[in-house]
PDB file of all heavy atoms in Angstrom:
ATOM      1  N   ARG A   1     150.027  72.251-104.352  1.00  0.00           N
ATOM      2  CA  ARG A   1     150.418  73.029-103.120  1.00  0.00           C
ATOM      3  C   ARG A   1     149.476  72.640-102.003  1.00  0.00           C
ATOM      4  O   ARG A   1     148.354  72.188-102.172  1.00  0.00           O
ATOM      5  CB  ARG A   1     150.202  74.580-103.411  1.00  0.00           C
ATOM      6  CG  ARG A   1     151.163  75.095-104.412  1.00  0.00           C
ATOM      7  CD  ARG A   1     151.105  76.642-104.438  1.00  0.00           C
ATOM      8  NE  ARG A   1     149.929  77.140-105.126  1.00  0.00           N
ATOM      9  CZ  ARG A   1     149.833  77.243-106.428  1.00  0.00           C
ATOM     10  NH1 ARG A   1     150.858  76.912-107.196  1.00  0.00           N
ATOM     11  NH2 ARG A   1     148.730  77.749-106.990  1.00  0.00           N
ATOM     12  N   PHE A   2     149.966  72.796-100.769  1.00  0.00           N
ATOM     13  CA  PHE A   2     149.166  72.600 -99.559  1.00  0.00           C
ATOM     14  C   PHE A   2     148.116  73.703 -99.507  1.00  0.00           C
ATOM     15  O   PHE A   2     148.417  74.887 -99.381  1.00  0.00           O
ATOM     16  CB  PHE A   2     150.052  72.687 -98.337  1.00  0.00           C
ATOM     17  CG  PHE A   2     151.080  71.560 -98.250  1.00  0.00           C
ATOM     18  CD1 PHE A   2     152.351  71.772 -98.695  1.00  0.00           C
ATOM     19  CD2 PHE A   2     150.737  70.343 -97.707  1.00  0.00           C
ATOM     20  CE1 PHE A   2     153.321  70.752 -98.593  1.00  0.00           C
ATOM     21  CE2 PHE A   2     151.693  69.277 -97.580  1.00  0.00           C
ATOM     22  CZ  PHE A   2     152.982  69.535 -98.088  1.00  0.00           C
ATOM     23  N   VAL A   3     146.860  73.279 -99.499  1.00  0.00           N
ATOM     24  CA  VAL A   3     145.719  74.277 -99.428  1.00  0.00           C
ATOM     25  C   VAL A   3     144.702  73.753 -98.442  1.00  0.00           C
ATOM     26  O   VAL A   3     144.322  72.570 -98.504  1.00  0.00           O
ATOM     27  CB  VAL A   3     145.102  74.399-100.864  1.00  0.00           C
ATOM     28  CG1 VAL A   3     143.865  75.288-100.737  1.00  0.00           C
ATOM     29  CG2 VAL A   3     146.082  74.934-101.869  1.00  0.00           C
ATOM     30  N   ASP A   4     144.291  74.597 -97.586  1.00  0.00           N
ATOM     31  CA  ASP A   4     143.103  74.297 -96.664  1.00  0.00           C
ATOM     32  C   ASP A   4     141.872  74.508 -97.474  1.00  0.00           C
ATOM     33  O   ASP A   4     141.571  75.579 -97.905  1.00  0.00           O
ATOM     34  CB  ASP A   4     143.176  75.245 -95.490  1.00  0.00           C
ATOM     35  CG  ASP A   4     142.177  74.901 -94.389  1.00  0.00           C
ATOM     36  OD1 ASP A   4     141.145  74.295 -94.730  1.00  0.00           O
ATOM     37  OD2 ASP A   4     142.435  75.159 -93.243  1.00  0.00           O
ATOM     38  N   PRO A   5     141.068  73.440 -97.587  1.00  0.00           N
ATOM     39  CA  PRO A   5     139.845  73.555 -98.410  1.00  0.00           C
ATOM     40  C   PRO A   5     138.821  74.495 -97.847  1.00  0.00           C
ATOM     41  O   PRO A   5     137.924  74.994 -98.536  1.00  0.00           O
ATOM     42  CB  PRO A   5     139.285  72.117 -98.431  1.00  0.00           C
ATOM     43  CG  PRO A   5     139.868  71.441 -97.208  1.00  0.00           C
ATOM     44  CD  PRO A   5     141.214  72.091 -97.065  1.00  0.00           C
ATOM     45  N   LEU A   6     138.941  74.820 -96.565  1.00  0.00           N
ATOM     46  CA  LEU A   6     137.969  75.733 -95.886  1.00  0.00           C
ATOM     47  C   LEU A   6     138.476  77.197 -95.867  1.00  0.00           C
ATOM     48  O   LEU A   6     137.688  78.068 -95.520  1.00  0.00           O
ATOM     49  CB  LEU A   6     137.713  75.255 -94.421  1.00  0.00           C
ATOM     50  CG  LEU A   6     137.066  73.847 -94.290  1.00  0.00           C
ATOM     51  CD1 LEU A   6     136.950  73.498 -92.868  1.00  0.00           C
ATOM     52  CD2 LEU A   6     135.775  73.714 -95.086  1.00  0.00           C
ATOM     53  N   ASP A   7     139.786  77.337 -96.172  1.00  0.00           N
ATOM     54  CA  ASP A   7     140.346  78.691 -96.074  1.00  0.00           C
ATOM     55  C   ASP A   7     141.582  78.813 -96.974  1.00  0.00           C
ATOM     56  O   ASP A   7     142.653  78.375 -96.591  1.00  0.00           O
ATOM     57  CB  ASP A   7     140.707  79.010 -94.614  1.00  0.00           C
ATOM     58  CG  ASP A   7     141.280  80.432 -94.454  1.00  0.00           C
ATOM     59  OD1 ASP A   7     141.300  81.143 -95.410  1.00  0.00           O
ATOM     60  OD2 ASP A   7     141.694  80.774 -93.289  1.00  0.00           O
ATOM     61  N   ASP A   8     141.401  79.358 -98.202  1.00  0.00           N
ATOM     62  CA  ASP A   8     142.500  79.382 -99.123  1.00  0.00           C
ATOM     63  C   ASP A   8     143.641  80.293 -98.628  1.00  0.00           C
ATOM     64  O   ASP A   8     144.756  80.179 -99.108  1.00  0.00           O
ATOM     65  CB  ASP A   8     141.980  80.009-100.471  1.00  0.00           C
ATOM     66  CG  ASP A   8     141.108  78.932-101.218  1.00  0.00           C
ATOM     67  OD1 ASP A   8     141.111  77.817-100.843  1.00  0.00           O
ATOM     68  OD2 ASP A   8     140.476  79.369-102.219  1.00  0.00           O
ATOM     69  N   PHE A   9     143.330  81.197 -97.656  1.00  0.00           N
ATOM     70  CA  PHE A   9     144.315  82.160 -97.251  1.00  0.00           C
ATOM     71  C   PHE A   9     144.856  81.818 -95.879  1.00  0.00           C
ATOM     72  O   PHE A   9     145.458  82.636 -95.195  1.00  0.00           O
ATOM     73  CB  PHE A   9     143.668  83.570 -97.198  1.00  0.00           C
ATOM     74  CG  PHE A   9     143.238  84.111 -98.536  1.00  0.00           C
ATOM     75  CD1 PHE A   9     141.894  83.967 -98.949  1.00  0.00           C
ATOM     76  CD2 PHE A   9     144.138  84.655 -99.409  1.00  0.00           C
ATOM     77  CE1 PHE A   9     141.515  84.448-100.187  1.00  0.00           C
ATOM     78  CE2 PHE A   9     143.748  85.107-100.622  1.00  0.00           C
ATOM     79  CZ  PHE A   9     142.432  85.016-101.045  1.00  0.00           C
ATOM     80  N   ARG A  10     144.666  80.634 -95.438  1.00  0.00           N
ATOM     81  CA  ARG A  10     145.165  80.160 -94.142  1.00  0.00           C
ATOM     82  C   ARG A  10     146.654  80.316 -94.007  1.00  0.00           C
ATOM     83  O   ARG A  10     147.369  79.911 -94.901  1.00  0.00           O
ATOM     84  CB  ARG A  10     144.747  78.739 -93.879  1.00  0.00           C
ATOM     85  CG  ARG A  10     145.328  78.216 -92.561  1.00  0.00           C
ATOM     86  CD  ARG A  10     144.829  76.850 -92.207  1.00  0.00           C
ATOM     87  NE  ARG A  10     145.453  76.338 -91.016  1.00  0.00           N
ATOM     88  CZ  ARG A  10     145.207  75.151 -90.419  1.00  0.00           C
ATOM     89  NH1 ARG A  10     144.242  74.433 -90.930  1.00  0.00           N
ATOM     90  NH2 ARG A  10     145.849  74.782 -89.354  1.00  0.00           N
ATOM     91  N   LEU A  11     147.094  80.881 -92.909  1.00  0.00           N
ATOM     92  CA  LEU A  11     148.558  81.010 -92.621  1.00  0.00           C
ATOM     93  C   LEU A  11     148.992  79.733 -91.923  1.00  0.00           C
ATOM     94  O   LEU A  11     148.849  79.601 -90.746  1.00  0.00           O
ATOM     95  CB  LEU A  11     148.832  82.253 -91.812  1.00  0.00           C
ATOM     96  CG  LEU A  11     148.595  83.592 -92.419  1.00  0.00           C
ATOM     97  CD1 LEU A  11     148.918  84.716 -91.386  1.00  0.00           C
ATOM     98  CD2 LEU A  11     149.488  83.799 -93.647  1.00  0.00           C
ATOM     99  N   PHE A  12     149.543  78.796 -92.669  1.00  0.00           N
ATOM    100  CA  PHE A  12     150.014  77.538 -92.088  1.00  0.00           C
ATOM    101  C   PHE A  12     151.318  77.825 -91.267  1.00  0.00           C
ATOM    102  O   PHE A  12     152.173  78.706 -91.606  1.00  0.00           O
ATOM    103  CB  PHE A  12     150.391  76.519 -93.119  1.00  0.00           C
ATOM    104  CG  PHE A  12     149.216  75.841 -93.781  1.00  0.00           C
ATOM    105  CD1 PHE A  12     148.784  76.139 -95.019  1.00  0.00           C
ATOM    106  CD2 PHE A  12     148.479  74.890 -93.046  1.00  0.00           C
ATOM    107  CE1 PHE A  12     147.699  75.489 -95.632  1.00  0.00           C
ATOM    108  CE2 PHE A  12     147.377  74.241 -93.612  1.00  0.00           C
ATOM    109  CZ  PHE A  12     147.057  74.566 -94.893  1.00  0.00           C
ATOM    110  N   ASP A  13     151.442  77.095 -90.186  1.00  0.00           N
ATOM    111  CA  ASP A  13     152.664  77.142 -89.395  1.00  0.00           C
ATOM    112  C   ASP A  13     153.354  75.771 -89.620  1.00  0.00           C
ATOM    113  O   ASP A  13     152.801  74.700 -89.252  1.00  0.00           O
ATOM    114  CB  ASP A  13     152.292  77.310 -87.926  1.00  0.00           C
ATOM    115  CG  ASP A  13     153.589  77.375 -87.039  1.00  0.00           C
ATOM    116  OD1 ASP A  13     154.596  76.679 -87.310  1.00  0.00           O
ATOM    117  OD2 ASP A  13     153.561  78.176 -86.102  1.00  0.00           O
ATOM    118  N   ALA A  14     154.506  75.771 -90.312  1.00  0.00           N
ATOM    119  CA  ALA A  14     155.171  74.512 -90.698  1.00  0.00           C
ATOM    120  C   ALA A  14     155.596  73.678 -89.548  1.00  0.00           C
ATOM    121  O   ALA A  14     155.818  72.471 -89.657  1.00  0.00           O
ATOM    122  CB  ALA A  14     156.345  74.836 -91.545  1.00  0.00           C
ATOM    123  N   VAL A  15     155.661  74.236 -88.328  1.00  0.00           N
ATOM    124  CA  VAL A  15     156.014  73.474 -87.123  1.00  0.00           C
ATOM    125  C   VAL A  15     154.744  73.002 -86.410  1.00  0.00           C
ATOM    126  O   VAL A  15     154.573  71.824 -86.155  1.00  0.00           O
ATOM    127  CB  VAL A  15     156.922  74.339 -86.206  1.00  0.00           C
ATOM    128  CG1 VAL A  15     157.216  73.514 -84.952  1.00  0.00           C
ATOM    129  CG2 VAL A  15     158.221  74.654 -86.880  1.00  0.00           C
ATOM    130  N   ALA A  16     153.824  73.946 -86.093  1.00  0.00           N
ATOM    131  CA  ALA A  16     152.664  73.604 -85.316  1.00  0.00           C
ATOM    132  C   ALA A  16     151.552  72.926 -86.113  1.00  0.00           C
ATOM    133  O   ALA A  16     150.776  72.184 -85.521  1.00  0.00           O
ATOM    134  CB  ALA A  16     152.126  74.899 -84.613  1.00  0.00           C
ATOM    135  N   ASP A  17     151.494  73.240 -87.392  1.00  0.00           N
ATOM    136  CA  ASP A  17     150.381  72.714 -88.198  1.00  0.00           C
ATOM    137  C   ASP A  17     150.715  71.509 -89.069  1.00  0.00           C
ATOM    138  O   ASP A  17     150.119  71.315 -90.125  1.00  0.00           O
ATOM    139  CB  ASP A  17     149.843  73.833 -89.146  1.00  0.00           C
ATOM    140  CG  ASP A  17     149.066  74.897 -88.410  1.00  0.00           C
ATOM    141  OD1 ASP A  17     148.796  74.647 -87.211  1.00  0.00           O
ATOM    142  OD2 ASP A  17     148.775  75.913 -89.016  1.00  0.00           O
ATOM    143  N   GLN A  18     151.676  70.695 -88.688  1.00  0.00           N
ATOM    144  CA  GLN A  18     152.096  69.677 -89.604  1.00  0.00           C
ATOM    145  C   GLN A  18     150.999  68.621 -89.896  1.00  0.00           C
ATOM    146  O   GLN A  18     150.845  68.155 -90.975  1.00  0.00           O
ATOM    147  CB  GLN A  18     153.367  68.925 -88.973  1.00  0.00           C
ATOM    148  CG  GLN A  18     154.567  69.791 -89.007  1.00  0.00           C
ATOM    149  CD  GLN A  18     155.858  68.999 -88.997  1.00  0.00           C
ATOM    150  OE1 GLN A  18     155.890  67.822 -89.362  1.00  0.00           O
ATOM    151  NE2 GLN A  18     156.895  69.668 -88.653  1.00  0.00           N
ATOM    152  N   ARG A  19     150.171  68.361 -88.863  1.00  0.00           N
ATOM    153  CA  ARG A  19     149.068  67.401 -89.137  1.00  0.00           C
ATOM    154  C   ARG A  19     148.103  67.988 -90.185  1.00  0.00           C
ATOM    155  O   ARG A  19     147.669  67.273 -91.108  1.00  0.00           O
ATOM    156  CB  ARG A  19     148.341  67.124 -87.888  1.00  0.00           C
ATOM    157  CG  ARG A  19     147.180  66.168 -88.036  1.00  0.00           C
ATOM    158  CD  ARG A  19     146.531  65.821 -86.688  1.00  0.00           C
ATOM    159  NE  ARG A  19     145.350  64.927 -86.878  1.00  0.00           N
ATOM    160  CZ  ARG A  19     144.655  64.449 -85.850  1.00  0.00           C
ATOM    161  NH1 ARG A  19     144.895  64.741 -84.611  1.00  0.00           N
ATOM    162  NH2 ARG A  19     143.558  63.689 -86.125  1.00  0.00           N
ATOM    163  N   ALA A  20     147.807  69.253 -90.070  1.00  0.00           N
ATOM    164  CA  ALA A  20     146.873  69.913 -91.016  1.00  0.00           C
ATOM    165  C   ALA A  20     147.462  69.915 -92.402  1.00  0.00           C
ATOM    166  O   ALA A  20     146.764  69.707 -93.415  1.00  0.00           O
ATOM    167  CB  ALA A  20     146.539  71.294 -90.574  1.00  0.00           C
ATOM    168  N   LEU A  21     148.781  70.134 -92.535  1.00  0.00           N
ATOM    169  CA  LEU A  21     149.474  70.141 -93.783  1.00  0.00           C
ATOM    170  C   LEU A  21     149.432  68.803 -94.484  1.00  0.00           C
ATOM    171  O   LEU A  21     149.151  68.660 -95.635  1.00  0.00           O
ATOM    172  CB  LEU A  21     150.899  70.620 -93.580  1.00  0.00           C
ATOM    173  CG  LEU A  21     151.094  72.168 -93.402  1.00  0.00           C
ATOM    174  CD1 LEU A  21     152.445  72.453 -92.795  1.00  0.00           C
ATOM    175  CD2 LEU A  21     150.912  72.871 -94.702  1.00  0.00           C
ATOM    176  N   VAL A  22     149.666  67.759 -93.624  1.00  0.00           N
ATOM    177  CA  VAL A  22     149.640  66.395 -94.188  1.00  0.00           C
ATOM    178  C   VAL A  22     148.274  66.053 -94.665  1.00  0.00           C
ATOM    179  O   VAL A  22     148.027  65.458 -95.720  1.00  0.00           O
ATOM    180  CB  VAL A  22     150.157  65.384 -93.133  1.00  0.00           C
ATOM    181  CG1 VAL A  22     149.916  63.961 -93.648  1.00  0.00           C
ATOM    182  CG2 VAL A  22     151.639  65.582 -92.903  1.00  0.00           C
ATOM    183  N   GLU A  23     147.245  66.447 -93.879  1.00  0.00           N
ATOM    184  CA  GLU A  23     145.864  66.137 -94.289  1.00  0.00           C
ATOM    185  C   GLU A  23     145.510  66.873 -95.542  1.00  0.00           C
ATOM    186  O   GLU A  23     144.807  66.322 -96.433  1.00  0.00           O
ATOM    187  CB  GLU A  23     144.889  66.580 -93.137  1.00  0.00           C
ATOM    188  CG  GLU A  23     144.966  65.666 -91.917  1.00  0.00           C
ATOM    189  CD  GLU A  23     144.088  66.176 -90.778  1.00  0.00           C
ATOM    190  OE1 GLU A  23     143.573  67.322 -90.869  1.00  0.00           O
ATOM    191  OE2 GLU A  23     143.927  65.407 -89.811  1.00  0.00           O
ATOM    192  N   ALA A  24     145.986  68.105 -95.742  1.00  0.00           N
ATOM    193  CA  ALA A  24     145.707  68.904 -96.901  1.00  0.00           C
ATOM    194  C   ALA A  24     146.346  68.160 -98.126  1.00  0.00           C
ATOM    195  O   ALA A  24     145.738  68.081 -99.200  1.00  0.00           O
ATOM    196  CB  ALA A  24     146.264  70.248 -96.831  1.00  0.00           C
ATOM    197  N   TYR A  25     147.590  67.661 -97.959  1.00  0.00           N
ATOM    198  CA  TYR A  25     148.200  66.975 -99.024  1.00  0.00           C
ATOM    199  C   TYR A  25     147.481  65.649 -99.376  1.00  0.00           C
ATOM    200  O   TYR A  25     147.271  65.319-100.552  1.00  0.00           O
ATOM    201  CB  TYR A  25     149.685  66.636 -98.713  1.00  0.00           C
ATOM    202  CG  TYR A  25     150.341  65.727 -99.704  1.00  0.00           C
ATOM    203  CD1 TYR A  25     150.743  66.219-100.956  1.00  0.00           C
ATOM    204  CD2 TYR A  25     150.412  64.393 -99.483  1.00  0.00           C
ATOM    205  CE1 TYR A  25     151.276  65.368-101.950  1.00  0.00           C
ATOM    206  CE2 TYR A  25     150.931  63.496-100.471  1.00  0.00           C
ATOM    207  CZ  TYR A  25     151.351  64.061-101.647  1.00  0.00           C
ATOM    208  OH  TYR A  25     151.836  63.160-102.637  1.00  0.00           O
ATOM    209  N   THR A  26     147.074  64.939 -98.402  1.00  0.00           N
ATOM    210  CA  THR A  26     146.425  63.640 -98.603  1.00  0.00           C
ATOM    211  C   THR A  26     145.159  63.812 -99.394  1.00  0.00           C
ATOM    212  O   THR A  26     144.780  62.945-100.224  1.00  0.00           O
ATOM    213  CB  THR A  26     146.156  62.942 -97.289  1.00  0.00           C
ATOM    214  OG1 THR A  26     147.386  62.829 -96.541  1.00  0.00           O
ATOM    215  CG2 THR A  26     145.474  61.597 -97.421  1.00  0.00           C
ATOM    216  N   ARG A  27     144.435  64.878 -99.149  1.00  0.00           N
ATOM    217  CA  ARG A  27     143.206  65.155 -99.891  1.00  0.00           C
ATOM    218  C   ARG A  27     143.415  65.368-101.391  1.00  0.00           C
ATOM    219  O   ARG A  27     142.584  65.063-102.237  1.00  0.00           O
ATOM    220  CB  ARG A  27     142.498  66.381 -99.284  1.00  0.00           C
ATOM    221  CG  ARG A  27     141.173  66.690 -99.930  1.00  0.00           C
ATOM    222  CD  ARG A  27     140.572  67.987 -99.320  1.00  0.00           C
ATOM    223  NE  ARG A  27     141.351  69.192 -99.647  1.00  0.00           N
ATOM    224  CZ  ARG A  27     141.179  69.926-100.757  1.00  0.00           C
ATOM    225  NH1 ARG A  27     140.248  69.501-101.638  1.00  0.00           N
ATOM    226  NH2 ARG A  27     141.902  70.907-100.998  1.00  0.00           N
ATOM    227  N   LEU A  28     144.621  65.885-101.686  1.00  0.00           N
ATOM    228  CA  LEU A  28     144.887  66.333-103.083  1.00  0.00           C
ATOM    229  C   LEU A  28     145.776  65.394-103.880  1.00  0.00           C
ATOM    230  O   LEU A  28     145.784  65.389-105.100  1.00  0.00           O
ATOM    231  CB  LEU A  28     145.570  67.682-103.064  1.00  0.00           C
ATOM    232  CG  LEU A  28     144.777  68.807-102.453  1.00  0.00           C
ATOM    233  CD1 LEU A  28     145.675  70.011-102.139  1.00  0.00           C
ATOM    234  CD2 LEU A  28     143.606  69.242-103.327  1.00  0.00           C
ATOM    235  N   ALA A  29     146.474  64.506-103.231  1.00  0.00           N
ATOM    236  CA  ALA A  29     147.578  63.736-103.803  1.00  0.00           C
ATOM    237  C   ALA A  29     147.081  62.692-104.778  1.00  0.00           C
ATOM    238  O   ALA A  29     145.974  62.209-104.734  1.00  0.00           O
ATOM    239  CB  ALA A  29     148.375  63.078-102.680  1.00  0.00           C
ATOM    240  N   PRO A  30     148.000  62.243-105.664  1.00  0.00           N
ATOM    241  CA  PRO A  30     147.686  61.174-106.593  1.00  0.00           C
ATOM    242  C   PRO A  30     147.342  59.917-105.771  1.00  0.00           C
ATOM    243  O   PRO A  30     147.998  59.646-104.780  1.00  0.00           O
ATOM    244  CB  PRO A  30     148.995  60.950-107.392  1.00  0.00           C
ATOM    245  CG  PRO A  30     149.664  62.279-107.349  1.00  0.00           C
ATOM    246  CD  PRO A  30     149.293  62.866-105.992  1.00  0.00           C
ATOM    247  N   ARG A  31     146.412  59.157-106.214  1.00  0.00           N
ATOM    248  CA  ARG A  31     145.968  57.914-105.521  1.00  0.00           C
ATOM    249  C   ARG A  31     146.674  56.729-106.130  1.00  0.00           C
ATOM    250  O   ARG A  31     147.109  56.739-107.288  1.00  0.00           O
ATOM    251  CB  ARG A  31     144.449  57.703-105.659  1.00  0.00           C
ATOM    252  CG  ARG A  31     143.614  58.795-105.145  1.00  0.00           C
ATOM    253  CD  ARG A  31     143.801  59.091-103.682  1.00  0.00           C
ATOM    254  NE  ARG A  31     143.002  60.188-103.196  1.00  0.00           N
ATOM    255  CZ  ARG A  31     143.021  60.668-102.007  1.00  0.00           C
ATOM    256  NH1 ARG A  31     143.891  60.189-101.081  1.00  0.00           N
ATOM    257  NH2 ARG A  31     142.233  61.644-101.597  1.00  0.00           N
ATOM    258  N   GLY A  32     146.822  55.710-105.344  1.00  0.00           N
ATOM    259  CA  GLY A  32     147.460  54.447-105.810  1.00  0.00           C
ATOM    260  C   GLY A  32     146.534  53.632-106.667  1.00  0.00           C
ATOM    261  O   GLY A  32     145.302  53.634-106.460  1.00  0.00           O
ATOM    262  N   LEU A  33     147.108  53.009-107.730  1.00  0.00           N
ATOM    263  CA  LEU A  33     146.286  52.093-108.548  1.00  0.00           C
ATOM    264  C   LEU A  33     146.090  50.745-107.882  1.00  0.00           C
ATOM    265  O   LEU A  33     145.000  50.205-107.810  1.00  0.00           O
ATOM    266  CB  LEU A  33     146.940  51.961-109.925  1.00  0.00           C
ATOM    267  CG  LEU A  33     146.946  53.278-110.808  1.00  0.00           C
ATOM    268  CD1 LEU A  33     147.706  52.983-112.079  1.00  0.00           C
ATOM    269  CD2 LEU A  33     145.542  53.683-111.094  1.00  0.00           C
ATOM    270  N   GLY A  34     147.245  50.182-107.522  1.00  0.00           N
ATOM    271  CA  GLY A  34     147.204  48.845-106.851  1.00  0.00           C
ATOM    272  C   GLY A  34     147.892  48.858-105.560  1.00  0.00           C
ATOM    273  O   GLY A  34     148.206  47.859-104.965  1.00  0.00           O
ATOM    274  N   GLY A  35     148.207  50.008-105.012  1.00  0.00           N
ATOM    275  CA  GLY A  35     148.899  50.100-103.753  1.00  0.00           C
ATOM    276  C   GLY A  35     149.727  51.390-103.743  1.00  0.00           C
ATOM    277  O   GLY A  35     149.816  52.101-104.757  1.00  0.00           O
ATOM    278  N   PRO A  36     150.350  51.713-102.625  1.00  0.00           N
ATOM    279  CA  PRO A  36     151.082  52.989-102.543  1.00  0.00           C
ATOM    280  C   PRO A  36     152.272  53.132-103.472  1.00  0.00           C
ATOM    281  O   PRO A  36     152.709  54.238-103.791  1.00  0.00           O
ATOM    282  CB  PRO A  36     151.544  53.012-101.085  1.00  0.00           C
ATOM    283  CG  PRO A  36     151.530  51.557-100.678  1.00  0.00           C
ATOM    284  CD  PRO A  36     150.359  50.945-101.375  1.00  0.00           C
ATOM    285  N   GLY A  37     152.771  52.011-103.986  1.00  0.00           N
ATOM    286  CA  GLY A  37     153.913  52.079-104.870  1.00  0.00           C
ATOM    287  C   GLY A  37     153.512  52.194-106.331  1.00  0.00           C
ATOM    288  O   GLY A  37     154.342  52.213-107.217  1.00  0.00           O
ATOM    289  N   GLU A  38     152.177  52.219-106.617  1.00  0.00           N
ATOM    290  CA  GLU A  38     151.730  52.351-108.021  1.00  0.00           C
ATOM    291  C   GLU A  38     150.737  53.520-108.138  1.00  0.00           C
ATOM    292  O   GLU A  38     149.517  53.412-108.289  1.00  0.00           O
ATOM    293  CB  GLU A  38     150.972  51.093-108.402  1.00  0.00           C
ATOM    294  CG  GLU A  38     151.827  49.849-108.362  1.00  0.00           C
ATOM    295  CD  GLU A  38     151.040  48.575-108.731  1.00  0.00           C
ATOM    296  OE1 GLU A  38     150.449  48.580-109.847  1.00  0.00           O
ATOM    297  OE2 GLU A  38     151.008  47.616-107.964  1.00  0.00           O
ATOM    298  N   PRO A  39     151.265  54.736-108.047  1.00  0.00           N
ATOM    299  CA  PRO A  39     150.366  55.908-108.122  1.00  0.00           C
ATOM    300  C   PRO A  39     149.827  56.033-109.538  1.00  0.00           C
ATOM    301  O   PRO A  39     150.451  55.748-110.524  1.00  0.00           O
ATOM    302  CB  PRO A  39     151.299  57.078-107.770  1.00  0.00           C
ATOM    303  CG  PRO A  39     152.707  56.596-108.174  1.00  0.00           C
ATOM    304  CD  PRO A  39     152.684  55.170-107.893  1.00  0.00           C
ATOM    305  N   ALA A  40     148.584  56.654-109.604  1.00  0.00           N
ATOM    306  CA  ALA A  40     147.990  56.938-110.920  1.00  0.00           C
ATOM    307  C   ALA A  40     148.702  58.039-111.639  1.00  0.00           C
ATOM    308  O   ALA A  40     148.684  58.121-112.846  1.00  0.00           O
ATOM    309  CB  ALA A  40     146.527  57.282-110.725  1.00  0.00           C
ATOM    310  N   GLY A  41     149.346  58.875-110.870  1.00  0.00           N
ATOM    311  CA  GLY A  41     150.117  59.992-111.364  1.00  0.00           C
ATOM    312  C   GLY A  41     151.197  60.345-110.432  1.00  0.00           C
ATOM    313  O   GLY A  41     151.374  59.742-109.409  1.00  0.00           O
ATOM    314  N   GLN A  42     151.888  61.467-110.782  1.00  0.00           N
ATOM    315  CA  GLN A  42     152.910  61.944-109.870  1.00  0.00           C
ATOM    316  C   GLN A  42     152.680  63.461-109.694  1.00  0.00           C
ATOM    317  O   GLN A  42     151.859  64.042-110.319  1.00  0.00           O
ATOM    318  CB  GLN A  42     154.270  61.688-110.428  1.00  0.00           C
ATOM    319  CG  GLN A  42     154.737  60.292-110.463  1.00  0.00           C
ATOM    320  CD  GLN A  42     156.176  60.094-111.008  1.00  0.00           C
ATOM    321  OE1 GLN A  42     156.438  60.417-112.175  1.00  0.00           O
ATOM    322  NE2 GLN A  42     157.045  59.600-110.168  1.00  0.00           N
ATOM    323  N   CYS A  43     153.422  64.045-108.786  1.00  0.00           N
ATOM    324  CA  CYS A  43     153.267  65.454-108.529  1.00  0.00           C
ATOM    325  C   CYS A  43     154.606  66.147-108.198  1.00  0.00           C
ATOM    326  O   CYS A  43     155.567  65.485-107.816  1.00  0.00           O
ATOM    327  CB  CYS A  43     152.221  65.734-107.485  1.00  0.00           C
ATOM    328  SG  CYS A  43     152.761  65.165-105.854  1.00  0.00           S
ATOM    329  N   VAL A  44     154.614  67.404-108.354  1.00  0.00           N
ATOM    330  CA  VAL A  44     155.646  68.299-107.802  1.00  0.00           C
ATOM    331  C   VAL A  44     155.089  68.957-106.543  1.00  0.00           C
ATOM    332  O   VAL A  44     154.114  69.702-106.721  1.00  0.00           O
ATOM    333  CB  VAL A  44     156.112  69.341-108.830  1.00  0.00           C
ATOM    334  CG1 VAL A  44     157.172  70.219-108.178  1.00  0.00           C
ATOM    335  CG2 VAL A  44     156.642  68.644-110.076  1.00  0.00           C
TER     336      VAL A  44
END
């Protein structure tokens, strides 16, 4: 899930906070092994 590491209860705005949402995902997402097409894992 999209989570703000500084505020678990943050009310995201899906329109105005898209950059923050993407940053939150990037911090948590599976990393690539040999590039973006080879993730170490997958997620829902």
